Protein backbone atom coordinates (compact mmCIF):
# COMPACT_ATOMS: atom_id res chain seq x y z
CA MET A 1 0.00 0.00 0.00
CA ARG A 2 2.91 2.34 0.65
CA VAL A 3 4.08 1.91 -2.91
CA LEU A 4 0.64 2.47 -4.43
CA LEU A 5 0.34 6.18 -3.58
CA PRO A 6 3.68 7.21 -5.13
CA LEU A 7 2.88 5.16 -8.22
CA LEU A 8 -0.47 6.89 -8.59
CA LEU A 9 1.15 10.29 -8.17
CA PHE A 10 3.78 9.35 -10.74
CA ALA A 11 1.13 8.23 -13.25
CA ALA A 12 -1.21 11.19 -12.62
CA PRO A 13 0.21 13.48 -15.36
CA ALA A 14 -0.18 10.73 -17.94
CA LEU A 15 -3.73 10.01 -16.84
CA ALA A 16 -4.67 13.69 -16.84
CA ALA A 17 -3.40 14.39 -20.37
CA ASP A 18 -6.10 14.47 -23.00
CA PRO A 19 -5.48 12.11 -25.89
CA PRO A 20 -5.17 13.80 -29.27
CA PRO A 21 -8.43 13.76 -31.22
CA HIS A 22 -8.75 11.39 -34.13
CA SER A 23 -8.51 13.10 -37.48
CA GLY A 24 -11.21 10.90 -38.96
CA VAL A 25 -9.10 10.13 -42.04
CA VAL A 26 -8.57 6.43 -42.61
CA LYS A 27 -5.11 5.49 -43.85
CA GLU A 28 -5.19 2.97 -46.69
CA ARG A 29 -3.10 -0.12 -46.00
CA THR A 30 -0.96 -1.26 -48.87
CA ALA A 31 1.21 -3.80 -47.04
CA PRO A 32 1.48 -5.45 -43.63
CA GLU A 33 2.95 -3.29 -40.90
CA LEU A 34 6.27 -4.22 -39.32
CA SER A 35 4.47 -5.08 -36.07
CA ASP A 36 2.28 -7.58 -37.96
CA ILE A 37 5.35 -9.32 -39.35
CA ALA A 38 7.07 -9.34 -35.96
CA LEU A 39 3.96 -10.83 -34.33
CA PHE A 40 3.84 -13.60 -36.96
CA VAL A 41 7.54 -14.40 -36.50
CA MET A 42 7.22 -14.54 -32.71
CA ALA A 43 4.14 -16.78 -32.92
CA ALA A 44 5.92 -19.13 -35.34
CA ALA A 45 8.99 -19.26 -33.09
CA GLY A 46 6.79 -20.01 -30.07
CA LEU A 47 5.11 -22.87 -31.91
CA LEU A 48 8.45 -24.32 -33.00
CA LEU A 49 9.84 -24.13 -29.45
CA ALA A 50 6.72 -25.73 -27.97
CA ARG A 51 6.73 -28.55 -30.52
CA ARG A 52 10.42 -29.20 -29.91
CA ALA A 53 9.90 -29.30 -26.15
CA MET A 54 6.95 -31.69 -26.50
CA ARG A 55 8.97 -33.98 -28.78
CA ARG A 56 11.87 -34.08 -26.32
CA ARG A 57 9.52 -34.76 -23.43
CA PHE A 58 7.81 -37.57 -25.31
CA ASP A 59 11.11 -39.13 -26.41
CA LYS A 60 12.48 -39.02 -22.86
CA HIS A 61 9.62 -41.14 -21.52
CA ARG A 62 9.54 -43.48 -24.51
CA GLU A 63 11.23 -46.85 -23.99
CA ASP A 64 11.84 -48.76 -27.22
């Protein structure tokens, strides 16, 4: 609880600032954004790591 009050006071200027209004103009997308590509790469890497870990776990318990 002692930490909560200073954190709230620290965040108060950010919470009080008004967000800039939206211009209302929609930007036409011509290609995927860099963040979209990064998200895809991270998801693919996560799947590969999970599959590899499951294979190793299965092979460790397998007795042939």
